[in-house]
Amino acid sequence: MSTQIEHLIAAFNNGWTQGKFDDIKPLLHDNVIFVAPDLKTQINGKDPCIQTIKDYSRNAKTKVFEIRSKEIHIWNQTAVVTIDYYIEYEMNKEVYIEKGKEFWTLNMQNDHWKLVWRAMVKNERIE
């Protein structure tokens, strides 16, 4: 079962880093919630969440994205994923090098895992 989750994580990250937004759509629950790095702003629903990814991609060029570590915990039809990542991107002619953390909640639907909740905590800029 965690193999399916590993594939979902890879497909999600390949989708947004390669601009293949249609590949992300089937991975998300219709009522998915993304929590912004300020931990206050919530984006609700599949289409608005995908739009946030498109907006990022329109404004930034991701040069490197690597998952440094992840933990997957499964309880029946629910899974929680913690991801530590490293990213280099360019925005407004400035290069950012950061490390960050994401928390995901997944739910099993019709034998497929769906992302139902995702929170990105504030990235730590590396100088």
Protein backbone atom coordinates (compact mmCIF):
# COMPACT_ATOMS: atom_id res chain seq x y z
CA MET A 1 0.00 0.00 0.00
CA SER A 2 2.83 2.43 0.68
CA THR A 3 4.10 1.70 -2.85
CA GLN A 4 0.92 3.33 -4.20
CA ILE A 5 1.60 6.34 -1.99
CA GLU A 6 5.22 6.51 -3.18
CA HIS A 7 3.89 6.60 -6.76
CA LEU A 8 1.37 9.33 -5.87
CA ILE A 9 4.11 11.48 -4.31
CA ALA A 10 6.34 11.03 -7.35
CA ALA A 11 3.50 11.72 -9.81
CA PHE A 12 2.42 14.85 -7.93
CA ASN A 13 5.94 16.29 -7.79
CA ASN A 14 6.75 15.32 -11.38
CA GLY A 15 3.48 16.95 -12.46
CA TRP A 16 4.09 20.34 -10.91
CA THR A 17 7.84 20.50 -11.63
CA GLN A 18 7.31 19.55 -15.30
CA GLY A 19 4.18 21.65 -15.86
CA LYS A 20 1.99 18.57 -16.41
CA PHE A 21 -0.95 19.91 -14.43
CA ASP A 22 -3.44 17.43 -15.90
CA ASP A 23 -1.36 14.62 -14.35
CA ILE A 24 -1.97 16.10 -10.90
CA LYS A 25 -5.74 16.38 -11.19
CA PRO A 26 -6.58 12.67 -10.70
CA LEU A 27 -4.40 12.56 -7.58
CA LEU A 28 -6.51 15.14 -5.75
CA HIS A 29 -9.80 14.67 -3.94
CA ASP A 30 -12.54 16.94 -5.33
CA ASN A 31 -12.66 18.83 -2.01
CA VAL A 32 -8.90 18.92 -1.38
CA ILE A 33 -7.54 21.69 0.82
CA PHE A 34 -4.12 23.30 0.41
CA VAL A 35 -2.87 25.34 3.37
CA ALA A 36 -0.46 28.12 2.37
CA PRO A 37 2.90 28.60 4.11
CA ASP A 38 1.37 31.30 6.35
CA LEU A 39 -0.73 28.44 7.84
CA LYS A 40 -3.79 30.70 7.72
CA THR A 41 -4.74 30.86 4.05
CA GLN A 42 -6.66 27.85 2.74
CA ILE A 43 -7.37 27.00 -0.88
CA ASN A 44 -10.40 24.74 -1.19
CA GLY A 45 -11.23 22.46 -4.10
CA LYS A 46 -9.36 20.65 -6.84
CA ASP A 47 -9.42 23.39 -9.50
CA PRO A 48 -8.40 26.27 -7.19
CA CYS A 49 -5.57 24.14 -5.74
CA ILE A 50 -4.27 23.30 -9.21
CA GLN A 51 -4.52 27.00 -10.08
CA THR A 52 -2.12 27.81 -7.23
CA ILE A 53 0.40 25.39 -8.74
CA LYS A 54 -0.09 26.96 -12.18
CA ASP A 55 0.37 30.43 -10.68
CA TYR A 56 3.64 29.39 -9.05
CA SER A 57 4.85 27.87 -12.34
CA ARG A 58 3.95 31.01 -14.26
CA ASN A 59 5.93 33.19 -11.83
CA ALA A 60 8.88 30.94 -10.97
CA LYS A 61 11.26 28.62 -12.74
CA THR A 62 12.10 25.57 -10.63
CA LYS A 63 15.71 24.57 -11.21
CA VAL A 64 16.02 21.79 -8.60
CA PHE A 65 13.45 19.99 -6.48
CA GLU A 66 14.52 17.03 -4.35
CA ILE A 67 12.76 15.12 -1.63
CA ARG A 68 15.36 14.71 1.08
CA SER A 69 13.27 12.48 3.34
CA LYS A 70 9.69 11.35 3.84
CA GLU A 71 7.64 9.42 6.31
CA ILE A 72 4.42 7.60 5.51
CA HIS A 73 1.99 6.47 8.23
CA ILE A 74 -1.08 4.46 7.26
CA TRP A 75 -4.20 3.75 9.31
CA ASN A 76 -6.79 1.80 7.33
CA GLN A 77 -8.13 4.25 4.70
CA THR A 78 -6.08 7.25 5.90
CA ALA A 79 -2.41 8.07 5.44
CA VAL A 80 -0.26 10.96 6.63
CA VAL A 81 2.87 11.89 4.71
CA THR A 82 5.65 14.18 5.93
CA ILE A 83 8.08 15.40 3.28
CA ASP A 84 11.36 17.28 3.76
CA TYR A 85 12.53 18.87 0.52
CA TYR A 86 15.19 21.03 -1.06
CA ILE A 87 14.33 23.50 -3.83
CA GLU A 88 16.12 25.99 -6.05
CA TYR A 89 13.99 28.35 -8.11
CA GLU A 90 14.17 31.70 -9.82
CA MET A 91 11.51 34.36 -9.36
CA ASN A 92 11.71 38.02 -10.41
CA LYS A 93 15.32 37.52 -11.54
CA GLU A 94 16.34 36.35 -8.06
CA VAL A 95 17.46 32.80 -7.26
CA TYR A 96 16.09 31.19 -4.11
CA ILE A 97 17.61 28.16 -2.43
CA GLU A 98 15.42 26.76 0.31
CA LYS A 99 14.55 23.73 2.33
CA GLY A 100 11.03 23.12 3.49
CA LYS A 101 8.48 20.69 4.83
CA GLU A 102 5.08 19.54 3.62
CA PHE A 103 2.41 17.59 5.43
CA TRP A 104 -0.16 15.61 3.44
CA THR A 105 -3.25 13.68 4.40
CA LEU A 106 -4.43 11.01 1.98
CA ASN A 107 -7.64 9.01 1.85
CA MET A 108 -8.27 5.73 0.05
CA GLN A 109 -11.14 5.97 -2.46
CA ASN A 110 -12.07 3.12 -4.79
CA ASP A 111 -8.69 1.45 -4.18
CA HIS A 112 -6.77 4.65 -5.03
CA TRP A 113 -5.15 7.13 -2.68
CA LYS A 114 -6.29 10.74 -3.05
CA LEU A 115 -4.66 13.83 -1.57
CA VAL A 116 -7.25 15.48 0.68
CA TRP A 117 -5.11 17.98 2.65
CA ARG A 118 -1.68 19.53 2.07
CA ALA A 119 0.17 22.08 4.16
CA MET A 120 3.48 23.68 3.28
CA VAL A 121 5.28 25.19 6.21
CA LYS A 122 7.40 28.25 5.69
CA ASN A 123 10.56 27.47 3.79
CA GLU A 124 13.96 28.15 5.29
CA ARG A 125 16.12 30.10 2.90
CA ILE A 126 19.67 28.83 2.51
CA GLU A 127 22.24 31.52 1.82
